[in-house]
Amino acid sequence: MMDYLRMLRIGDWIRFYTLVPLAGALLAGENAGRMPVILIIYFFLIGYAFVVNNYFDVEIDRLHSRKMGQRKNPMANGGASERGVIVLIFLLVGLALLLSVETSLAGTALVVLNLLLFTAYSASPIRLKERVGLDVLTHGLMFGFLPLLA
């Protein structure tokens, strides 16, 4: 179970990426009682981004001794199965979408757009992460602009 939690790579993002959607909600005048929901939605979304990246990078990560030593991708180390990771992916997507419906139609649409970008960033044949200009643009959209708007 710990390997599936490790797939989320929470330590890599928890201090930074959750601040942007909260700042957007504050700037939009959102009710303080809704902040935990926004935080949870983005916890699931950002966790999904790292899990889907690990999923599509499993073969590449197996070739990097540093990543293997740090256990950044438990699927590459054999600690998480492909089937288990797919279940985790659907769980994260489902929970983020279910909670986003409670916000607004625009919020849900932005969550869907973010999910599509997270997937296109890592998934073949698109793999935006391998396209120099689009890599930077995608990061700005995924972790900055869209969470701020949502």
Protein backbone atom coordinates (compact mmCIF):
# COMPACT_ATOMS: atom_id res chain seq x y z
CA MET A 1 0.00 0.00 0.00
CA MET A 2 2.85 2.38 0.77
CA ASP A 3 4.21 1.97 -2.76
CA TYR A 4 0.90 3.20 -4.21
CA LEU A 5 0.98 6.19 -1.88
CA ARG A 6 4.60 6.77 -2.95
CA MET A 7 3.39 6.85 -6.60
CA LEU A 8 1.68 10.18 -5.78
CA ARG A 9 5.11 11.69 -4.95
CA ILE A 10 3.45 14.05 -2.49
CA GLY A 11 6.74 15.33 -1.11
CA ASP A 12 7.66 16.65 -4.57
CA TRP A 13 4.71 19.04 -4.79
CA ILE A 14 2.69 19.51 -1.59
CA ARG A 15 4.50 22.69 -0.51
CA PHE A 16 4.00 24.55 -3.80
CA TYR A 17 1.37 23.31 -6.24
CA THR A 18 -1.59 23.45 -3.86
CA LEU A 19 -1.09 27.16 -3.21
CA VAL A 20 -2.11 28.25 -6.72
CA PRO A 21 -5.71 26.94 -6.67
CA LEU A 22 -6.16 28.31 -3.15
CA ALA A 23 -4.87 31.71 -4.25
CA GLY A 24 -7.26 31.64 -7.22
CA ALA A 25 -10.18 30.82 -4.94
CA LEU A 26 -9.26 33.64 -2.58
CA LEU A 27 -8.92 36.13 -5.46
CA ALA A 28 -12.33 35.04 -6.75
CA GLY A 29 -13.85 35.72 -3.33
CA GLU A 30 -14.64 32.07 -2.66
CA ASN A 31 -16.24 31.14 0.65
CA ALA A 32 -13.60 29.99 3.17
CA GLY A 33 -15.67 26.86 3.87
CA ARG A 34 -15.08 25.70 0.29
CA MET A 35 -11.29 25.92 0.53
CA PRO A 36 -10.87 22.36 1.84
CA VAL A 37 -12.85 21.01 -1.15
CA ILE A 38 -10.65 22.96 -3.56
CA LEU A 39 -7.54 21.71 -1.79
CA ILE A 40 -8.75 18.09 -1.94
CA ILE A 41 -9.65 18.37 -5.66
CA TYR A 42 -6.15 19.60 -6.45
CA PHE A 43 -4.58 17.03 -4.18
CA PHE A 44 -6.21 14.36 -6.35
CA LEU A 45 -5.38 16.17 -9.60
CA ILE A 46 -1.72 16.76 -8.84
CA GLY A 47 -1.39 13.25 -7.44
CA TYR A 48 -2.84 12.01 -10.73
CA ALA A 49 -0.28 14.06 -12.68
CA PHE A 50 2.59 12.34 -10.90
CA VAL A 51 1.05 8.86 -11.03
CA VAL A 52 0.30 9.09 -14.76
CA ASN A 53 3.83 10.41 -15.35
CA ASN A 54 5.29 7.45 -13.44
CA TYR A 55 3.02 5.08 -15.37
CA PHE A 56 4.18 6.26 -18.78
CA ASP A 57 7.83 6.67 -17.72
CA VAL A 58 8.21 3.24 -16.12
CA GLU A 59 10.61 1.87 -18.76
CA ILE A 60 12.66 5.08 -18.86
CA ASP A 61 12.83 5.22 -15.05
CA ARG A 62 14.14 1.63 -14.90
CA LEU A 63 17.21 2.80 -16.80
CA HIS A 64 18.07 5.59 -14.31
CA SER A 65 19.95 4.29 -11.30
CA ARG A 66 19.29 7.49 -9.30
CA LYS A 67 15.52 7.22 -9.73
CA MET A 68 15.63 3.53 -8.93
CA GLY A 69 17.71 4.22 -5.81
CA GLN A 70 15.34 6.94 -4.61
CA ARG A 71 12.28 4.75 -5.38
CA LYS A 72 10.64 7.71 -7.18
CA ASN A 73 8.64 5.27 -9.29
CA PRO A 74 7.52 2.21 -7.32
CA MET A 75 6.11 0.70 -10.51
CA ALA A 76 9.63 0.68 -12.00
CA ASN A 77 10.95 -1.00 -8.84
CA GLY A 78 8.23 -3.65 -8.90
CA GLY A 79 6.52 -2.40 -5.73
CA ALA A 80 3.34 -1.33 -7.55
CA SER A 81 1.63 -3.40 -10.23
CA GLU A 82 0.36 -2.01 -13.52
CA ARG A 83 -3.19 -3.06 -12.64
CA GLY A 84 -2.97 -1.43 -9.21
CA VAL A 85 -1.65 1.80 -10.71
CA ILE A 86 -4.48 1.86 -13.26
CA VAL A 87 -6.99 1.46 -10.40
CA LEU A 88 -5.25 4.32 -8.57
CA ILE A 89 -5.44 6.49 -11.72
CA PHE A 90 -9.18 5.92 -12.08
CA LEU A 91 -9.71 6.54 -8.37
CA LEU A 92 -7.87 9.88 -8.47
CA VAL A 93 -9.68 11.01 -11.64
CA GLY A 94 -13.07 9.90 -10.36
CA LEU A 95 -12.71 11.62 -7.00
CA ALA A 96 -11.43 14.86 -8.56
CA LEU A 97 -14.31 14.93 -11.05
CA LEU A 98 -16.92 14.01 -8.44
CA LEU A 99 -15.80 16.80 -6.13
CA SER A 100 -15.43 19.32 -8.97
CA VAL A 101 -19.12 18.92 -9.82
CA GLU A 102 -19.78 20.47 -6.42
CA THR A 103 -17.96 23.65 -7.42
CA SER A 104 -19.36 24.92 -10.72
CA LEU A 105 -19.67 23.96 -14.37
CA ALA A 106 -16.68 26.19 -15.20
CA GLY A 107 -14.66 24.65 -12.36
CA THR A 108 -15.45 21.16 -13.59
CA ALA A 109 -14.52 22.09 -17.17
CA LEU A 110 -11.16 23.44 -15.96
CA VAL A 111 -10.54 20.27 -13.95
CA VAL A 112 -11.25 18.19 -17.07
CA LEU A 113 -8.91 20.39 -19.11
CA ASN A 114 -6.22 19.99 -16.47
CA LEU A 115 -6.66 16.19 -16.53
CA LEU A 116 -6.31 16.18 -20.31
CA LEU A 117 -3.12 18.26 -20.14
CA PHE A 118 -1.63 16.08 -17.38
CA THR A 119 -2.28 13.05 -19.56
CA ALA A 120 -1.00 14.62 -22.79
CA TYR A 121 2.13 15.72 -20.95
CA SER A 122 3.21 12.13 -20.26
CA ALA A 123 1.25 9.81 -22.58
CA SER A 124 2.44 8.57 -25.93
CA PRO A 125 2.21 9.53 -28.71
CA ILE A 126 1.69 13.16 -27.63
CA ARG A 127 4.22 13.39 -24.73
CA LEU A 128 4.33 17.15 -24.42
CA LYS A 129 7.20 16.71 -21.96
CA GLU A 130 9.45 15.81 -24.90
CA ARG A 131 8.63 18.97 -26.87
CA VAL A 132 10.84 21.79 -25.60
CA GLY A 133 8.55 24.81 -26.02
CA LEU A 134 5.36 22.93 -25.25
CA ASP A 135 6.92 21.45 -22.12
CA VAL A 136 7.30 24.89 -20.51
CA LEU A 137 3.92 26.13 -21.75
CA THR A 138 2.17 23.00 -20.50
CA HIS A 139 3.74 23.34 -17.04
CA GLY A 140 2.54 26.93 -16.82
CA LEU A 141 -0.98 25.89 -17.77
CA MET A 142 -1.16 22.73 -15.64
CA PHE A 143 0.30 24.06 -12.42
CA GLY A 144 -0.37 27.79 -12.75
CA PHE A 145 -2.99 29.26 -15.01
CA LEU A 146 -5.68 26.54 -14.96
CA PRO A 147 -5.57 25.93 -11.18
CA LEU A 148 -5.71 29.69 -10.63
CA LEU A 149 -8.81 29.94 -12.85
CA ALA A 150 -10.50 26.84 -11.51
